[in-house]
Amino acid sequence: MCHPQRTLLALLLIFPPLLDAQVAHDHSAPEKLGTVSFPISCLPEVQQQFDRGVALLHSFAYTASQNAFRSVAEQDPRCAMAHWGIAMSYYHQLWDPPLSVATIPSAQREIHLAQQARASTKRERKFINALNLIYQDADSVAYRTRALNYERAMKDLAAQDRKDTEAQVFYALALLADASPKDKTHANQKEAADLLEPLFRAYPEHPGVPHYLIHAYDNAELASRGLPAAREYSKIAPSAPHALHMPSHIFTRLGLWEDSIASNVAAREAAHLQGDTGEELHAMDYLVYAYLQMGRDLEAAQIVQQLKGMSGLNSADFKIGYAATAIPVRYAVERCQWADAASIVPPTEAPPHVTAIAVWARGLGLSRSGRSAEAHQEASRLRKIESQLRTAGNDYWATQVGIMAREVMAWSAHSNGNRVVAVAVMRAAADEEDAAEKLPVTPGPILPAREQLADLLLEQGYPGQASKEFATALANAPGRRGALQGAARAAKLSSHN
């Protein structure tokens, strides 16, 4: 639900320098990444650096962790687990994509070096052989198959010694990585949480445990259980930008916008200071989302303007491309600035599912502006992208893009007076969207289909039906400003009937 007073006034501001109004983050303090104990059979003098590399891995500081493991390998050339760590740094299990085609050969070389070094313990060999399942036959065996094989190997390793903390934690991560977005029972997430919750009590300074608990609980069903981990993780590993950001996944799920803003202000500053562009943009995306839910449009506008000043962004990198595309789209669409949405230019060289976000925004802006013929063209582009993704085996994003196409077509039908068709198409989109979970890289759909269905019914003069849909939308995504305002308007109109 949009209101005309939310205008482009923000763009008239003189934007302050980057981070001027943000909370200071003291990077002169000693590095704090949490406490990890992963005993290995290498030289005793490399143990501390190896543990540091694992701690960085658990906070998804992949480049820094790789550097730590390379340092271990330089100090102890016979350390097989150093090469395991380097290979592990190429495996971004909860990111999209989890593996980069360009880095697979490098990872395979590290696994080969690890195997050649002949780890002296059975436990170490099992860690190395498990990870080898991810990279072995990567050109001929589907990633899903390899990931499931890795999960089974980690399950076996974890079962052999319940007191092996790292085996339990890495197995929990494998479960989360293989969780199906279509499984609304959250079976993998619950199994992972059952492994991690006792460890959270036993090892309160371990960075991976609260991190993966947050991911396990990052859904509408379980989000409230994630608050203890969300409150602690940033304190455990404040030197890792991702650890400062991750609590906002739970805060976003629960509509705790002030908490989300504080989390991402700190994460953005830390990422900026460390030169981590992907993490900085990820935090900026969550910041814009939270600012808009609180009606703090001027601050959201500052982020949009600052994004424009960031040059050399690699839109081919999904994490960077997604955030850089979604931020201006959110700012236009959440504020119902349909002309601005219709003028958004899709990024070049971005993955197709990133391009789709901009195409969707254009289609939505055109259809909401009564330009249905042009909106149809954008819907057709979305269908082509959907087909392209389906052919490539990316079923999750193919489904999401198909939902976007339906949303554009629904609003186009509404603008043409095809009211029944519009509601039917939008309802189908909402039902399909609600049937799957979001991926970790996003705060959620930019404009939930269920909320759009409620808006559509309200515009068609059915406030009672709209109220029911707004209630469902708010149960799925508590605290969304548009849904709250729409529900209030629907209730007021219903009381007058």
Protein backbone atom coordinates (compact mmCIF):
# COMPACT_ATOMS: atom_id res chain seq x y z
CA MET A 1 0.00 0.00 0.00
CA CYS A 2 1.58 3.25 -1.14
CA HIS A 3 0.83 6.82 -0.21
CA PRO A 4 1.38 9.90 -2.41
CA GLN A 5 3.20 11.79 0.35
CA ARG A 6 6.15 9.40 -0.02
CA THR A 7 7.67 11.41 -2.86
CA LEU A 8 11.04 11.94 -4.42
CA LEU A 9 11.78 14.77 -2.00
CA ALA A 10 14.70 12.71 -0.74
CA LEU A 11 16.53 13.19 -3.99
CA LEU A 12 16.72 16.92 -3.31
CA LEU A 13 19.03 16.32 -0.36
CA ILE A 14 22.69 17.04 -0.39
CA PHE A 15 24.03 13.63 0.50
CA PRO A 16 26.64 13.41 3.25
CA PRO A 17 29.91 11.59 2.75
CA LEU A 18 29.83 7.83 3.10
CA LEU A 19 29.26 6.66 6.68
CA ASP A 20 29.31 10.17 8.23
CA ALA A 21 26.22 9.48 10.31
CA GLN A 22 27.05 5.90 11.07
CA VAL A 23 28.12 4.40 14.34
CA ALA A 24 31.89 4.23 14.66
CA HIS A 25 33.38 0.75 14.51
CA ASP A 26 36.74 0.49 16.25
CA HIS A 27 39.11 -1.52 14.08
CA SER A 28 42.11 -0.55 16.18
CA ALA A 29 40.98 -3.11 18.75
CA PRO A 30 42.52 -6.62 18.68
CA GLU A 31 41.03 -8.97 16.13
CA LYS A 32 38.04 -10.82 17.54
CA LEU A 33 36.70 -13.75 15.53
CA GLY A 34 35.45 -16.05 18.27
CA THR A 35 37.02 -19.22 19.61
CA VAL A 36 37.59 -22.31 17.49
CA SER A 37 39.51 -25.46 18.44
CA PHE A 38 40.18 -27.75 15.46
CA PRO A 39 43.15 -29.95 16.45
CA ILE A 40 45.31 -31.07 13.54
CA SER A 41 48.45 -33.19 13.25
CA CYS A 42 50.58 -30.46 11.66
CA LEU A 43 53.41 -28.57 13.32
CA PRO A 44 52.29 -27.19 16.70
CA GLU A 45 53.30 -23.65 15.73
CA VAL A 46 50.65 -23.50 12.95
CA GLN A 47 47.72 -24.64 15.12
CA GLN A 48 46.67 -21.14 16.16
CA GLN A 49 46.74 -19.81 12.59
CA PHE A 50 44.79 -22.85 11.40
CA ASP A 51 42.12 -22.25 14.05
CA ARG A 52 41.97 -18.62 12.92
CA GLY A 53 41.40 -19.76 9.33
CA VAL A 54 38.53 -22.00 10.46
CA ALA A 55 37.01 -19.16 12.49
CA LEU A 56 37.13 -16.95 9.38
CA LEU A 57 35.52 -19.74 7.35
CA HIS A 58 32.66 -19.92 9.83
CA SER A 59 32.00 -16.20 9.32
CA PHE A 60 32.21 -16.55 5.52
CA ALA A 61 35.31 -14.36 5.35
CA TYR A 62 36.53 -16.57 2.54
CA THR A 63 39.43 -14.50 1.19
CA ALA A 64 40.87 -13.89 4.65
CA SER A 65 40.47 -17.54 5.57
CA GLN A 66 42.24 -18.64 2.41
CA ASN A 67 45.14 -16.33 3.25
CA ALA A 68 45.32 -17.83 6.74
CA PHE A 69 45.44 -21.38 5.39
CA ARG A 70 48.08 -20.46 2.83
CA SER A 71 50.18 -19.09 5.66
CA VAL A 72 49.84 -22.46 7.41
CA ALA A 73 50.89 -24.27 4.23
CA GLU A 74 53.95 -22.04 3.87
CA GLN A 75 55.02 -22.70 7.45
CA ASP A 76 54.32 -26.44 7.22
CA PRO A 77 54.41 -27.71 3.60
CA ARG A 78 53.41 -31.19 4.81
CA CYS A 79 50.21 -29.96 6.48
CA ALA A 80 47.42 -31.67 4.52
CA MET A 81 44.69 -29.81 6.39
CA ALA A 82 46.07 -26.46 5.25
CA HIS A 83 45.20 -27.48 1.69
CA TRP A 84 41.79 -28.72 2.88
CA GLY A 85 41.21 -25.25 4.31
CA ILE A 86 42.20 -23.53 1.06
CA ALA A 87 39.88 -25.81 -0.92
CA MET A 88 37.12 -25.17 1.62
CA SER A 89 37.48 -21.41 1.12
CA TYR A 90 36.33 -21.89 -2.48
CA TYR A 91 33.12 -23.62 -1.35
CA HIS A 92 30.54 -20.96 -0.49
CA GLN A 93 27.81 -23.31 0.63
CA LEU A 94 24.99 -20.86 1.32
CA TRP A 95 25.80 -18.39 -1.44
CA ASP A 96 24.53 -18.26 -5.00
CA PRO A 97 26.30 -19.92 -6.70
CA PRO A 98 28.05 -22.07 -4.07
CA LEU A 99 30.88 -22.81 -6.50
CA SER A 100 32.49 -20.63 -9.12
CA VAL A 101 33.40 -22.45 -12.31
CA ALA A 102 36.55 -20.33 -12.50
CA THR A 103 37.88 -21.50 -9.13
CA ILE A 104 37.07 -25.21 -9.32
CA PRO A 105 40.45 -26.12 -10.90
CA SER A 106 42.26 -24.30 -8.09
CA ALA A 107 40.21 -26.11 -5.47
CA GLN A 108 40.86 -29.45 -7.16
CA ARG A 109 44.60 -28.77 -7.04
CA GLU A 110 44.41 -28.07 -3.31
CA ILE A 111 42.49 -31.29 -2.68
CA HIS A 112 45.14 -33.16 -4.68
CA LEU A 113 47.88 -31.55 -2.58
CA ALA A 114 45.99 -32.47 0.60
CA GLN A 115 45.72 -36.09 -0.51
CA GLN A 116 49.39 -36.19 -1.52
CA ALA A 117 50.43 -34.85 1.87
CA ARG A 118 48.87 -37.95 3.45
CA ALA A 119 47.19 -36.69 6.59
CA SER A 120 48.34 -38.73 9.56
CA THR A 121 44.94 -39.18 11.21
CA LYS A 122 41.84 -40.97 9.99
CA ARG A 123 39.74 -37.95 11.02
CA GLU A 124 41.72 -35.59 8.80
CA ARG A 125 41.54 -37.96 5.86
CA LYS A 126 37.77 -38.10 6.25
CA PHE A 127 37.49 -34.30 6.17
CA ILE A 128 39.64 -34.21 3.02
CA ASN A 129 37.84 -37.06 1.28
CA ALA A 130 34.45 -35.57 2.09
CA LEU A 131 35.36 -32.25 0.52
CA ASN A 132 36.80 -34.06 -2.48
CA LEU A 133 33.24 -35.24 -3.24
CA ILE A 134 32.31 -31.62 -3.98
CA TYR A 135 35.05 -31.10 -6.56
CA GLN A 136 35.45 -34.59 -8.01
CA ASP A 137 33.83 -34.95 -11.46
CA ALA A 138 32.54 -31.38 -11.21
CA ASP A 139 32.27 -31.22 -14.99
CA SER A 140 30.10 -34.32 -15.31
CA VAL A 141 28.15 -34.81 -12.08
CA ALA A 142 25.41 -32.38 -11.05
CA TYR A 143 26.24 -30.11 -8.11
CA ARG A 144 23.15 -31.28 -6.21
CA THR A 145 24.38 -34.87 -6.36
CA ARG A 146 27.87 -33.92 -5.22
CA ALA A 147 26.50 -31.79 -2.38
CA LEU A 148 24.34 -34.64 -1.12
CA ASN A 149 27.33 -36.98 -1.27
CA TYR A 150 29.32 -34.47 0.79
CA GLU A 151 26.47 -34.17 3.29
CA ARG A 152 26.37 -37.96 3.73
CA ALA A 153 30.14 -38.09 4.24
CA MET A 154 29.95 -35.34 6.86
CA LYS A 155 27.08 -37.15 8.58
CA ASP A 156 29.28 -40.25 8.86
CA LEU A 157 32.16 -38.18 10.20
CA ALA A 158 29.96 -36.42 12.75
CA ALA A 159 28.42 -39.71 13.89
CA GLN A 160 31.82 -41.27 14.59
CA ASP A 161 32.62 -38.83 17.37
CA ARG A 162 29.82 -36.78 18.90
CA LYS A 163 32.43 -34.81 20.84
CA ASP A 164 34.12 -33.60 17.65
CA THR A 165 32.70 -30.10 17.64
CA GLU A 166 33.94 -29.12 14.18
CA ALA A 167 32.54 -32.28 12.60
CA GLN A 168 29.12 -31.48 14.09
CA VAL A 169 29.27 -27.84 12.99
CA PHE A 170 30.38 -28.57 9.42
CA TYR A 171 27.74 -31.30 9.14
CA ALA A 172 25.08 -28.82 10.29
CA LEU A 173 26.25 -26.41 7.59
CA ALA A 174 26.00 -29.16 4.98
CA LEU A 175 22.42 -29.84 6.06
CA LEU A 176 21.55 -26.17 5.65
CA ALA A 177 23.23 -26.01 2.25
CA ASP A 178 21.14 -28.93 1.02
CA ALA A 179 17.82 -27.77 2.48
CA SER A 180 15.18 -27.57 -0.22
CA PRO A 181 13.42 -24.17 -0.50
CA LYS A 182 10.24 -26.16 -1.21
CA ASP A 183 10.36 -28.02 2.10
CA LYS A 184 8.11 -25.92 4.33
CA THR A 185 8.54 -28.44 7.16
CA HIS A 186 12.15 -27.20 7.41
CA ALA A 187 13.39 -30.71 8.17
CA ASN A 188 17.06 -29.99 7.43
CA GLN A 189 16.98 -26.72 9.32
CA LYS A 190 15.50 -28.40 12.39
CA GLU A 191 18.04 -31.23 12.28
CA ALA A 192 20.86 -28.68 12.01
CA ALA A 193 19.43 -26.69 14.91
CA ASP A 194 19.20 -29.83 17.04
CA LEU A 195 22.93 -30.33 16.49
CA LEU A 196 23.83 -26.71 17.11
CA GLU A 197 21.72 -25.70 20.11
CA PRO A 198 23.64 -27.89 22.63
CA LEU A 199 26.91 -26.60 21.16
CA PHE A 200 25.68 -23.01 21.56
CA ARG A 201 25.35 -23.66 25.29
CA ALA A 202 28.64 -25.58 25.56
CA TYR A 203 30.79 -23.29 23.38
CA PRO A 204 29.30 -19.78 23.63
CA GLU A 205 32.25 -18.16 21.82
CA HIS A 206 32.23 -20.42 18.74
CA PRO A 207 31.40 -18.23 15.69
CA GLY A 208 29.96 -20.94 13.45
CA VAL A 209 27.34 -22.14 15.91
CA PRO A 210 25.26 -18.93 16.19
CA HIS A 211 25.90 -18.14 12.53
CA TYR A 212 24.39 -21.40 11.33
CA LEU A 213 21.61 -21.24 13.92
CA ILE A 214 20.58 -17.92 12.38
CA HIS A 215 20.46 -19.57 8.96
CA ALA A 216 18.51 -22.53 10.37
CA TYR A 217 15.92 -20.17 11.85
CA ASP A 218 15.75 -17.78 8.88
CA ASN A 219 12.15 -18.63 8.03
CA ALA A 220 8.72 -17.54 9.23
CA GLU A 221 8.11 -20.72 11.23
CA LEU A 222 11.30 -20.67 13.31
CA ALA A 223 12.49 -17.04 13.30
CA SER A 224 11.63 -16.28 16.93
CA ARG A 225 13.93 -19.13 18.03
CA GLY A 226 16.82 -17.35 16.33
CA LEU A 227 16.88 -14.26 18.55
CA PRO A 228 19.40 -15.56 21.13
CA ALA A 229 21.90 -16.43 18.38
CA ALA A 230 21.20 -13.13 16.62
CA ARG A 231 21.88 -11.18 19.82
CA GLU A 232 25.21 -12.96 20.40
CA TYR A 233 26.87 -13.55 17.04
CA SER A 234 27.99 -9.98 16.40
CA LYS A 235 29.56 -9.87 19.88
CA ILE A 236 31.45 -13.11 19.28
CA ALA A 237 33.09 -12.13 15.97
CA PRO A 238 32.86 -8.34 15.53
CA SER A 239 35.98 -8.32 13.32
CA ALA A 240 34.05 -10.19 10.60
CA PRO A 241 31.64 -7.95 8.63
CA HIS A 242 29.34 -10.88 7.92
CA ALA A 243 29.00 -11.57 11.64
CA LEU A 244 27.84 -7.99 12.14
CA HIS A 245 25.29 -8.37 9.34
CA MET A 246 23.86 -11.84 10.00
CA PRO A 247 21.69 -10.95 13.01
CA SER A 248 19.62 -8.78 10.68
CA HIS A 249 18.31 -11.92 8.96
CA ILE A 250 16.37 -12.70 12.13
CA PHE A 251 15.56 -9.05 12.82
CA THR A 252 14.13 -8.74 9.29
CA ARG A 253 12.03 -11.88 9.73
CA LEU A 254 10.53 -10.46 12.93
CA GLY A 255 10.10 -6.86 11.75
CA LEU A 256 12.68 -5.52 14.22
CA TRP A 257 13.77 -2.71 11.93
CA GLU A 258 15.80 -0.61 14.38
CA ASP A 259 17.85 -3.69 15.27
CA SER A 260 18.34 -4.50 11.59
CA ILE A 261 19.51 -0.97 10.86
CA ALA A 262 22.04 -1.01 13.70
CA SER A 263 23.33 -4.38 12.56
CA ASN A 264 23.80 -3.34 8.95
CA VAL A 265 25.25 0.09 9.67
CA ALA A 266 28.05 -1.66 11.59
CA ALA A 267 28.42 -4.38 8.95
CA ARG A 268 28.58 -1.90 6.12
CA GLU A 269 31.27 0.19 7.77
CA ALA A 270 33.40 -2.86 8.63
CA ALA A 271 33.05 -4.25 5.11
CA HIS A 272 33.95 -0.89 3.59
CA LEU A 273 37.07 -0.60 5.73
CA GLN A 274 38.11 -4.13 4.79
CA GLY A 275 37.45 -3.60 1.08
CA ASP A 276 34.75 -6.28 0.95
CA THR A 277 32.45 -4.80 -1.70
CA GLY A 278 30.07 -7.76 -1.81
CA GLU A 279 29.46 -7.69 1.93
CA GLU A 280 29.15 -3.89 1.93
CA LEU A 281 26.46 -4.00 -0.76
CA HIS A 282 24.68 -6.87 0.99
CA ALA A 283 24.44 -4.74 4.14
CA MET A 284 23.32 -1.71 2.10
CA ASP A 285 20.49 -3.74 0.56
CA TYR A 286 19.23 -4.81 3.98
CA LEU A 287 19.60 -1.20 5.19
CA VAL A 288 17.43 0.18 2.40
CA TYR A 289 14.83 -2.49 3.11
CA ALA A 290 14.71 -1.62 6.81
CA TYR A 291 14.73 2.15 6.28
CA LEU A 292 11.77 1.89 3.89
CA GLN A 293 9.76 -0.22 6.36
CA MET A 294 10.17 2.54 8.94
CA GLY A 295 9.24 5.30 6.49
CA ARG A 296 12.78 6.68 6.68
CA ASP A 297 12.83 7.38 2.96
CA LEU A 298 15.48 10.09 3.15
CA GLU A 299 18.02 7.70 4.63
CA ALA A 300 17.11 5.08 2.05
CA ALA A 301 17.66 7.72 -0.63
CA GLN A 302 21.14 8.39 0.74
CA ILE A 303 22.03 4.73 0.23
CA VAL A 304 20.71 4.85 -3.33
CA GLN A 305 22.78 7.94 -4.06
CA GLN A 306 25.91 6.45 -2.49
CA LEU A 307 25.46 3.32 -4.59
CA LYS A 308 25.59 5.50 -7.69
CA GLY A 309 29.00 6.75 -6.57
CA MET A 310 30.46 3.23 -6.33
CA SER A 311 32.34 2.54 -9.55
CA GLY A 312 33.69 -0.66 -11.03
CA LEU A 313 31.05 -2.94 -9.53
CA ASN A 314 31.19 -6.47 -10.92
CA SER A 315 27.55 -7.16 -11.71
CA ALA A 316 28.48 -10.66 -12.89
CA ASP A 317 29.13 -11.54 -9.22
CA PHE A 318 25.66 -12.51 -7.96
CA LYS A 319 26.12 -11.04 -4.49
CA ILE A 320 27.22 -7.70 -5.91
CA GLY A 321 24.85 -7.71 -8.88
CA TYR A 322 21.81 -8.61 -6.82
CA ALA A 323 22.26 -5.89 -4.23
CA ALA A 324 23.24 -3.20 -6.74
CA THR A 325 20.13 -3.99 -8.79
CA ALA A 326 17.70 -4.51 -5.92
CA ILE A 327 18.52 -1.32 -4.01
CA PRO A 328 17.14 1.23 -6.54
CA VAL A 329 14.30 -1.16 -7.40
CA ARG A 330 13.25 -1.32 -3.74
CA TYR A 331 13.43 2.44 -3.43
CA ALA A 332 11.11 2.97 -6.41
CA VAL A 333 8.67 0.09 -5.94
CA GLU A 334 8.16 0.31 -2.17
CA ARG A 335 7.28 3.99 -2.60
CA CYS A 336 4.99 3.37 -5.59
CA GLN A 337 7.05 5.62 -7.83
CA TRP A 338 5.91 3.82 -10.96
CA ALA A 339 7.51 6.18 -13.46
CA ASP A 340 10.86 5.64 -11.74
CA ALA A 341 10.33 1.89 -11.73
CA ALA A 342 9.47 1.91 -15.44
CA SER A 343 12.70 3.75 -16.25
CA ILE A 344 15.05 1.31 -14.49
CA VAL A 345 17.72 -0.02 -16.84
CA PRO A 346 18.64 -3.71 -16.45
CA PRO A 347 22.32 -4.28 -15.62
CA THR A 348 24.70 -5.55 -18.25
CA GLU A 349 26.68 -8.76 -17.75
CA ALA A 350 24.59 -9.72 -14.72
CA PRO A 351 23.26 -13.25 -14.15
CA PRO A 352 19.83 -13.65 -15.76
CA HIS A 353 17.99 -13.85 -12.42
CA VAL A 354 19.53 -10.49 -11.45
CA THR A 355 18.53 -8.95 -14.77
CA ALA A 356 15.01 -10.24 -14.11
CA ILE A 357 14.64 -8.01 -11.05
CA ALA A 358 15.11 -4.88 -13.15
CA VAL A 359 12.85 -6.22 -15.92
CA TRP A 360 10.19 -6.97 -13.31
CA ALA A 361 10.45 -3.44 -11.90
CA ARG A 362 10.04 -1.99 -15.39
CA GLY A 363 7.05 -4.23 -16.08
CA LEU A 364 5.43 -3.37 -12.77
CA GLY A 365 5.99 0.35 -13.30
CA LEU A 366 4.55 0.22 -16.81
CA SER A 367 1.51 -1.86 -15.86
CA ARG A 368 0.76 0.31 -12.81
CA SER A 369 1.00 3.35 -15.10
CA GLY A 370 -1.59 1.95 -17.53
CA ARG A 371 0.98 1.15 -20.24
CA SER A 372 -0.12 -2.45 -20.58
CA ALA A 373 1.23 -3.09 -24.08
CA GLU A 374 4.75 -2.16 -22.96
CA ALA A 375 4.27 -4.13 -19.74
CA HIS A 376 3.45 -7.21 -21.83
CA GLN A 377 6.82 -6.89 -23.52
CA GLU A 378 8.58 -6.95 -20.13
CA ALA A 379 6.49 -9.94 -19.06
CA SER A 380 7.59 -11.72 -22.23
CA ARG A 381 11.22 -10.93 -21.38
CA LEU A 382 10.67 -12.43 -17.96
CA ARG A 383 9.23 -15.60 -19.51
CA LYS A 384 12.32 -15.91 -21.72
CA ILE A 385 14.59 -15.52 -18.69
CA GLU A 386 12.49 -18.12 -16.86
CA SER A 387 12.97 -20.55 -19.73
CA GLN A 388 16.70 -19.81 -19.86
CA LEU A 389 17.07 -20.53 -16.14
CA ARG A 390 14.99 -23.71 -16.39
CA THR A 391 17.18 -24.98 -19.22
CA ALA A 392 20.28 -24.24 -17.13
CA GLY A 393 18.86 -26.29 -14.27
CA ASN A 394 18.31 -23.30 -11.97
CA ASP A 395 14.77 -24.27 -11.00
CA TYR A 396 14.57 -22.08 -7.90
CA TRP A 397 15.21 -18.84 -9.74
CA ALA A 398 13.22 -19.98 -12.76
CA THR A 399 10.22 -20.28 -10.45
CA GLN A 400 10.86 -16.87 -8.90
CA VAL A 401 11.10 -15.22 -12.31
CA GLY A 402 7.88 -16.96 -13.36
CA ILE A 403 6.20 -15.43 -10.31
CA MET A 404 7.50 -11.99 -11.33
CA ALA A 405 6.03 -12.45 -14.82
CA ARG A 406 2.63 -13.32 -13.32
CA GLU A 407 2.70 -10.22 -11.13
CA VAL A 408 3.32 -7.98 -14.13
CA MET A 409 0.55 -9.70 -16.09
CA ALA A 410 -1.88 -9.42 -13.17
CA TRP A 411 -1.44 -5.66 -12.83
CA SER A 412 -1.60 -5.29 -16.60
CA ALA A 413 -4.91 -7.18 -16.67
CA HIS A 414 -6.19 -4.99 -13.84
CA SER A 415 -5.32 -1.81 -15.73
CA ASN A 416 -7.20 -3.18 -18.76
CA GLY A 417 -10.30 -3.85 -16.69
CA ASN A 418 -9.87 -7.64 -16.59
CA ARG A 419 -10.47 -7.76 -12.86
CA VAL A 420 -11.24 -11.45 -12.42
CA VAL A 421 -8.22 -12.50 -14.48
CA ALA A 422 -6.00 -10.09 -12.56
CA VAL A 423 -6.96 -11.57 -9.18
CA ALA A 424 -6.65 -15.16 -10.40
CA VAL A 425 -3.18 -14.60 -11.86
CA MET A 426 -1.95 -12.72 -8.79
CA ARG A 427 -3.35 -15.35 -6.44
CA ALA A 428 -1.51 -18.05 -8.36
CA ALA A 429 1.69 -16.01 -8.02
CA ALA A 430 1.14 -15.55 -4.28
CA ASP A 431 0.43 -19.23 -3.69
CA GLU A 432 3.56 -20.27 -5.57
CA GLU A 433 5.74 -17.71 -3.79
CA ASP A 434 4.47 -18.74 -0.36
CA ALA A 435 5.29 -22.38 -1.13
CA ALA A 436 9.06 -21.76 -1.21
CA GLU A 437 11.60 -20.19 1.13
CA LYS A 438 13.85 -17.31 0.13
CA LEU A 439 17.58 -17.74 -0.34
CA PRO A 440 20.01 -16.31 2.26
CA VAL A 441 21.27 -13.54 -0.03
CA THR A 442 17.91 -11.71 -0.06
CA PRO A 443 15.76 -10.12 2.67
CA GLY A 444 12.79 -11.61 0.82
CA PRO A 445 10.71 -10.73 -2.24
CA ILE A 446 11.03 -7.06 -3.03
CA LEU A 447 7.25 -6.74 -2.97
CA PRO A 448 5.60 -9.95 -1.72
CA ALA A 449 3.00 -11.35 -4.09
CA ARG A 450 0.54 -11.88 -1.23
CA GLU A 451 0.79 -8.20 -0.32
CA GLN A 452 0.25 -7.30 -3.97
CA LEU A 453 -2.84 -9.52 -4.07
CA ALA A 454 -4.23 -7.67 -1.07
CA ASP A 455 -3.48 -4.31 -2.74
CA LEU A 456 -5.20 -5.51 -5.90
CA LEU A 457 -8.34 -6.58 -4.03
CA LEU A 458 -8.39 -3.27 -2.18
CA GLU A 459 -8.15 -1.34 -5.44
CA GLN A 460 -11.03 -3.41 -6.81
CA GLY A 461 -13.21 -2.51 -3.84
CA TYR A 462 -13.05 -5.71 -1.79
CA PRO A 463 -11.69 -4.55 1.58
CA GLY A 464 -12.88 -7.64 3.45
CA GLN A 465 -11.03 -10.01 1.15
CA ALA A 466 -8.05 -7.66 1.13
CA SER A 467 -7.91 -7.74 4.95
CA LYS A 468 -7.52 -11.54 4.92
CA GLU A 469 -4.67 -11.36 2.42
CA PHE A 470 -2.93 -8.56 4.31
CA ALA A 471 -3.13 -10.69 7.47
CA THR A 472 -1.45 -13.59 5.67
CA ALA A 473 1.16 -11.26 4.20
CA LEU A 474 1.99 -9.89 7.65
CA ALA A 475 2.22 -13.38 9.12
CA ASN A 476 4.79 -14.21 6.43
CA ALA A 477 6.66 -10.91 6.76
CA PRO A 478 5.84 -9.07 10.02
CA GLY A 479 6.13 -5.31 10.15
CA ARG A 480 6.14 -4.53 6.44
CA ARG A 481 5.01 -0.92 6.15
CA GLY A 482 2.96 -1.35 3.00
CA ALA A 483 1.02 -4.30 4.40
CA LEU A 484 0.41 -2.55 7.72
CA GLN A 485 -0.91 0.57 6.01
CA GLY A 486 -2.97 -1.49 3.58
CA ALA A 487 -4.49 -3.54 6.40
CA ALA A 488 -5.42 -0.36 8.27
CA ARG A 489 -7.09 1.09 5.18
CA ALA A 490 -8.92 -2.16 4.45
CA ALA A 491 -10.20 -2.32 8.04
CA LYS A 492 -11.42 1.27 7.84
CA LEU A 493 -13.24 0.69 4.56
CA SER A 494 -14.76 -2.54 5.86
CA SER A 495 -16.14 -0.73 8.91
CA HIS A 496 -17.91 1.75 6.63
CA ASN A 497 -19.64 -0.95 4.58
